[in-house]
Each structure stands twice: as C-alpha cells, then as structure tokens.
Amino acid sequence: MSDLVQRVREELARYEHPLFAFEAQPAGDGVEIFIRFKFSNGPQETGVHVYQFRLAPREIEHRQFPWTFQRQLYDCLHDYVIEMFISNPQRQDG
C-alpha cells in the first residue's frame, strides 16, 4: 500500500459517523475516497449511491492536509446528503 493511501486512511480513522462509512483506495497516482450510507446494501435497495472524490498527491503531501481534508470531507458530506433528497422544490426531473 502506498504511503499516500496509508496517510489518508489514518486521517479517515479519526472520523466516525453513525450514518456514513468512509474508505480510501489507490486511484492512479492519487487516492479515491468513498462515502457510503451505512444502512444500504446498494442503490437498488434505497436509491442511495456511493459518493466518491479523488485526492491528488500534492493535496495529501501538503502540510495543511488534516485541515484541508476535514473541510473537503465536510463539504462532500453536505453534497452527499443533499443528493439523497428524493424530492425537493428545486429538483428538475425529466
């Protein structure tokens, strides 16, 4: 396992959430982060997809990584929760 993946996994281990599980996997020269809804066996069951985003090596190696990672993780969690809406007044279906 690469040092980058290990660093991201160590940072992810600092976060625990009752609704979401976090995972990191190698992706090219970077790392892909996955956020999964814990109470779903897949999109077919609940319609909830797996949220993912990628980190470049320069982001992980930066000295401010813990802080910038937290901000990005929180932003992605916000987006993921919004994407979970089945219906809302702004949704344009069709």
N, C-alpha and C. Protein backbone atom coordinates (compact mmCIF):
# COMPACT_ATOMS: atom_id res chain seq x y z
N MET A 1 0.85 -1.18 0.00
CA MET A 1 0.00 0.00 0.00
C MET A 1 0.89 1.24 0.00
N SER A 2 0.49 2.22 -0.75
CA SER A 2 1.30 3.42 -0.85
C SER A 2 1.21 4.26 0.42
N ASP A 3 2.23 5.07 0.63
CA ASP A 3 2.25 5.97 1.78
C ASP A 3 1.08 6.96 1.73
N LEU A 4 0.69 7.36 0.51
CA LEU A 4 -0.42 8.31 0.37
C LEU A 4 -1.73 7.68 0.84
N VAL A 5 -1.98 6.45 0.43
CA VAL A 5 -3.21 5.76 0.84
C VAL A 5 -3.19 5.58 2.35
N GLN A 6 -2.07 5.19 2.89
CA GLN A 6 -1.95 4.99 4.34
C GLN A 6 -2.23 6.28 5.09
N ARG A 7 -1.68 7.39 4.60
CA ARG A 7 -1.90 8.68 5.27
C ARG A 7 -3.38 9.05 5.25
N VAL A 8 -4.04 8.84 4.13
CA VAL A 8 -5.47 9.16 4.02
C VAL A 8 -6.28 8.23 4.94
N ARG A 9 -5.96 6.96 4.95
CA ARG A 9 -6.69 6.03 5.83
C ARG A 9 -6.50 6.39 7.30
N GLU A 10 -5.30 6.81 7.67
CA GLU A 10 -5.07 7.23 9.05
C GLU A 10 -5.90 8.47 9.39
N GLU A 11 -6.01 9.37 8.44
CA GLU A 11 -6.82 10.57 8.67
C GLU A 11 -8.30 10.20 8.75
N LEU A 12 -8.76 9.32 7.86
CA LEU A 12 -10.16 8.88 7.89
C LEU A 12 -10.50 8.17 9.19
N ALA A 13 -9.54 7.48 9.77
CA ALA A 13 -9.78 6.75 11.02
C ALA A 13 -10.13 7.69 12.17
N ARG A 14 -9.84 8.95 12.02
CA ARG A 14 -10.16 9.95 13.04
C ARG A 14 -11.64 10.34 13.02
N TYR A 15 -12.35 9.92 11.97
CA TYR A 15 -13.75 10.29 11.78
C TYR A 15 -14.64 9.08 11.92
N GLU A 16 -15.67 9.20 12.72
CA GLU A 16 -16.67 8.15 12.86
C GLU A 16 -18.04 8.81 12.81
N HIS A 17 -18.93 8.24 12.04
CA HIS A 17 -20.26 8.83 11.85
C HIS A 17 -21.30 7.74 11.96
N PRO A 18 -22.44 7.99 12.58
CA PRO A 18 -23.45 6.94 12.73
C PRO A 18 -24.14 6.56 11.42
N LEU A 19 -24.09 7.42 10.41
CA LEU A 19 -24.80 7.14 9.16
C LEU A 19 -23.90 6.79 7.99
N PHE A 20 -22.63 7.19 8.04
CA PHE A 20 -21.75 7.04 6.89
C PHE A 20 -20.47 6.28 7.24
N ALA A 21 -20.02 5.47 6.28
CA ALA A 21 -18.75 4.75 6.40
C ALA A 21 -17.79 5.35 5.37
N PHE A 22 -16.53 5.41 5.73
CA PHE A 22 -15.51 6.01 4.88
C PHE A 22 -14.47 4.98 4.49
N GLU A 23 -13.96 5.11 3.27
CA GLU A 23 -12.96 4.18 2.77
C GLU A 23 -12.04 4.92 1.80
N ALA A 24 -10.79 4.49 1.72
CA ALA A 24 -9.83 5.07 0.79
C ALA A 24 -9.15 3.95 0.01
N GLN A 25 -9.02 4.16 -1.31
CA GLN A 25 -8.38 3.19 -2.20
C GLN A 25 -7.43 3.92 -3.14
N PRO A 26 -6.37 3.25 -3.58
CA PRO A 26 -5.50 3.87 -4.58
C PRO A 26 -6.27 4.15 -5.86
N ALA A 27 -5.92 5.25 -6.51
CA ALA A 27 -6.56 5.63 -7.77
C ALA A 27 -5.53 6.37 -8.61
N GLY A 28 -4.91 5.66 -9.54
CA GLY A 28 -3.85 6.26 -10.33
C GLY A 28 -2.71 6.67 -9.41
N ASP A 29 -2.29 7.92 -9.51
CA ASP A 29 -1.23 8.39 -8.61
C ASP A 29 -1.81 9.03 -7.35
N GLY A 30 -3.13 9.08 -7.23
CA GLY A 30 -3.78 9.68 -6.06
C GLY A 30 -4.54 8.66 -5.24
N VAL A 31 -5.53 9.16 -4.52
CA VAL A 31 -6.34 8.33 -3.64
C VAL A 31 -7.81 8.68 -3.84
N GLU A 32 -8.64 7.67 -3.94
CA GLU A 32 -10.08 7.87 -4.07
C GLU A 32 -10.73 7.61 -2.72
N ILE A 33 -11.60 8.54 -2.31
CA ILE A 33 -12.33 8.43 -1.05
C ILE A 33 -13.76 8.03 -1.39
N PHE A 34 -14.30 7.06 -0.63
CA PHE A 34 -15.67 6.61 -0.81
C PHE A 34 -16.44 6.89 0.47
N ILE A 35 -17.63 7.44 0.32
CA ILE A 35 -18.55 7.65 1.44
C ILE A 35 -19.78 6.82 1.14
N ARG A 36 -20.09 5.91 2.05
CA ARG A 36 -21.23 5.01 1.86
C ARG A 36 -22.25 5.22 2.97
N PHE A 37 -23.50 5.16 2.60
CA PHE A 37 -24.59 5.18 3.56
C PHE A 37 -24.61 3.82 4.24
N LYS A 38 -24.46 3.77 5.55
CA LYS A 38 -24.31 2.50 6.28
C LYS A 38 -25.55 1.61 6.20
N PHE A 39 -26.71 2.17 5.97
CA PHE A 39 -27.94 1.39 6.05
C PHE A 39 -28.48 1.04 4.67
N SER A 40 -27.58 0.71 3.77
CA SER A 40 -27.98 0.37 2.41
C SER A 40 -27.11 -0.76 1.91
N ASN A 41 -27.72 -1.69 1.22
CA ASN A 41 -26.98 -2.76 0.57
C ASN A 41 -26.71 -2.43 -0.89
N GLY A 42 -26.92 -1.20 -1.25
CA GLY A 42 -26.68 -0.76 -2.61
C GLY A 42 -27.79 0.14 -3.11
N PRO A 43 -27.56 0.80 -4.25
CA PRO A 43 -28.55 1.74 -4.80
C PRO A 43 -29.90 1.11 -5.08
N GLN A 44 -29.93 -0.16 -5.44
CA GLN A 44 -31.21 -0.79 -5.76
C GLN A 44 -32.12 -0.87 -4.54
N GLU A 45 -31.54 -0.92 -3.34
CA GLU A 45 -32.34 -1.02 -2.11
C GLU A 45 -32.95 0.33 -1.71
N THR A 46 -32.16 1.36 -1.70
CA THR A 46 -32.62 2.66 -1.19
C THR A 46 -32.54 3.78 -2.22
N GLY A 47 -31.87 3.56 -3.32
CA GLY A 47 -31.66 4.62 -4.28
C GLY A 47 -30.49 5.52 -3.91
N VAL A 48 -29.77 5.18 -2.86
CA VAL A 48 -28.65 5.99 -2.39
C VAL A 48 -27.36 5.48 -3.02
N HIS A 49 -26.69 6.33 -3.75
CA HIS A 49 -25.44 5.95 -4.39
C HIS A 49 -24.24 6.09 -3.43
N VAL A 50 -23.12 5.61 -3.84
CA VAL A 50 -21.87 5.81 -3.11
C VAL A 50 -21.25 7.11 -3.61
N TYR A 51 -20.89 7.97 -2.69
CA TYR A 51 -20.27 9.25 -3.04
C TYR A 51 -18.77 9.03 -3.08
N GLN A 52 -18.11 9.60 -4.06
CA GLN A 52 -16.66 9.46 -4.14
C GLN A 52 -16.01 10.74 -4.64
N PHE A 53 -14.78 10.92 -4.16
CA PHE A 53 -13.97 12.04 -4.64
C PHE A 53 -12.51 11.62 -4.61
N ARG A 54 -11.69 12.32 -5.36
CA ARG A 54 -10.29 11.94 -5.51
C ARG A 54 -9.39 13.04 -4.95
N LEU A 55 -8.31 12.58 -4.34
CA LEU A 55 -7.28 13.49 -3.84
C LEU A 55 -6.01 13.29 -4.65
N ALA A 56 -5.39 14.39 -5.03
CA ALA A 56 -4.12 14.35 -5.75
C ALA A 56 -2.98 14.24 -4.74
N PRO A 57 -1.86 13.68 -5.15
CA PRO A 57 -0.73 13.56 -4.23
C PRO A 57 -0.34 14.88 -3.56
N ARG A 58 -0.33 15.98 -4.32
CA ARG A 58 0.07 17.27 -3.73
C ARG A 58 -0.85 17.69 -2.59
N GLU A 59 -2.15 17.30 -2.66
CA GLU A 59 -3.08 17.63 -1.58
C GLU A 59 -2.76 16.84 -0.31
N ILE A 60 -2.42 15.57 -0.48
CA ILE A 60 -2.14 14.70 0.65
C ILE A 60 -0.79 15.04 1.29
N GLU A 61 0.16 15.43 0.47
CA GLU A 61 1.51 15.75 0.96
C GLU A 61 1.62 17.14 1.57
N HIS A 62 0.63 17.97 1.35
CA HIS A 62 0.67 19.35 1.86
C HIS A 62 0.66 19.34 3.39
N ARG A 63 1.38 20.27 3.99
CA ARG A 63 1.49 20.31 5.45
C ARG A 63 0.16 20.63 6.13
N GLN A 64 -0.77 21.22 5.42
CA GLN A 64 -2.10 21.54 5.97
C GLN A 64 -3.13 20.44 5.67
N PHE A 65 -2.66 19.26 5.24
CA PHE A 65 -3.57 18.20 4.82
C PHE A 65 -4.68 17.89 5.83
N PRO A 66 -4.40 17.70 7.12
CA PRO A 66 -5.51 17.36 8.04
C PRO A 66 -6.64 18.40 8.01
N TRP A 67 -6.28 19.67 7.95
CA TRP A 67 -7.29 20.72 7.95
C TRP A 67 -8.03 20.78 6.63
N THR A 68 -7.29 20.76 5.51
CA THR A 68 -7.96 20.84 4.21
C THR A 68 -8.78 19.59 3.93
N PHE A 69 -8.30 18.43 4.42
CA PHE A 69 -9.06 17.19 4.25
C PHE A 69 -10.38 17.27 5.00
N GLN A 70 -10.35 17.76 6.23
CA GLN A 70 -11.59 17.89 7.01
C GLN A 70 -12.58 18.78 6.28
N ARG A 71 -12.11 19.90 5.79
CA ARG A 71 -13.00 20.82 5.07
C ARG A 71 -13.59 20.14 3.84
N GLN A 72 -12.76 19.43 3.08
CA GLN A 72 -13.26 18.76 1.88
C GLN A 72 -14.23 17.63 2.23
N LEU A 73 -13.91 16.85 3.26
CA LEU A 73 -14.79 15.78 3.69
C LEU A 73 -16.15 16.33 4.11
N TYR A 74 -16.16 17.40 4.89
CA TYR A 74 -17.41 18.00 5.33
C TYR A 74 -18.20 18.57 4.15
N ASP A 75 -17.51 19.20 3.20
CA ASP A 75 -18.19 19.71 2.01
C ASP A 75 -18.83 18.56 1.22
N CYS A 76 -18.10 17.46 1.08
CA CYS A 76 -18.62 16.31 0.34
C CYS A 76 -19.79 15.66 1.08
N LEU A 77 -19.70 15.58 2.40
CA LEU A 77 -20.82 15.04 3.17
C LEU A 77 -22.07 15.90 2.98
N HIS A 78 -21.89 17.20 2.98
CA HIS A 78 -23.01 18.11 2.74
C HIS A 78 -23.62 17.83 1.37
N ASP A 79 -22.77 17.75 0.34
CA ASP A 79 -23.27 17.49 -1.01
C ASP A 79 -23.98 16.15 -1.09
N TYR A 80 -23.41 15.14 -0.44
CA TYR A 80 -23.98 13.79 -0.46
C TYR A 80 -25.38 13.79 0.17
N VAL A 81 -25.52 14.43 1.30
CA VAL A 81 -26.84 14.49 1.96
C VAL A 81 -27.84 15.21 1.06
N ILE A 82 -27.43 16.28 0.42
CA ILE A 82 -28.33 16.99 -0.49
C ILE A 82 -28.72 16.10 -1.67
N GLU A 83 -27.76 15.34 -2.20
CA GLU A 83 -28.04 14.44 -3.32
C GLU A 83 -28.99 13.31 -2.94
N MET A 84 -29.13 13.03 -1.64
CA MET A 84 -30.01 11.97 -1.17
C MET A 84 -31.49 12.35 -1.22
N PHE A 85 -31.81 13.62 -1.38
CA PHE A 85 -33.21 14.01 -1.45
C PHE A 85 -33.90 13.25 -2.57
N ILE A 86 -35.04 12.69 -2.27
CA ILE A 86 -35.86 12.03 -3.27
C ILE A 86 -36.66 13.07 -4.03
N SER A 87 -37.07 14.10 -3.30
CA SER A 87 -37.85 15.17 -3.90
C SER A 87 -37.55 16.45 -3.14
N ASN A 88 -37.49 17.54 -3.86
CA ASN A 88 -37.39 18.88 -3.26
C ASN A 88 -37.89 19.88 -4.29
N PRO A 89 -38.22 21.10 -3.87
CA PRO A 89 -38.80 22.07 -4.80
C PRO A 89 -37.92 22.45 -5.98
N GLN A 90 -36.60 22.32 -5.84
CA GLN A 90 -35.68 22.70 -6.90
C GLN A 90 -35.35 21.56 -7.87
N ARG A 91 -35.74 20.35 -7.53
CA ARG A 91 -35.37 19.19 -8.35
C ARG A 91 -36.06 19.24 -9.70
N GLN A 92 -35.30 19.03 -10.74
CA GLN A 92 -35.81 19.04 -12.10
C GLN A 92 -35.72 17.62 -12.65
N ASP A 93 -36.78 16.87 -12.61
CA ASP A 93 -36.80 15.51 -13.16
C ASP A 93 -37.40 15.53 -14.56
N GLY A 94 -36.76 14.76 -15.40
CA GLY A 94 -37.34 14.60 -16.73
C GLY A 94 -36.81 15.45 -17.74
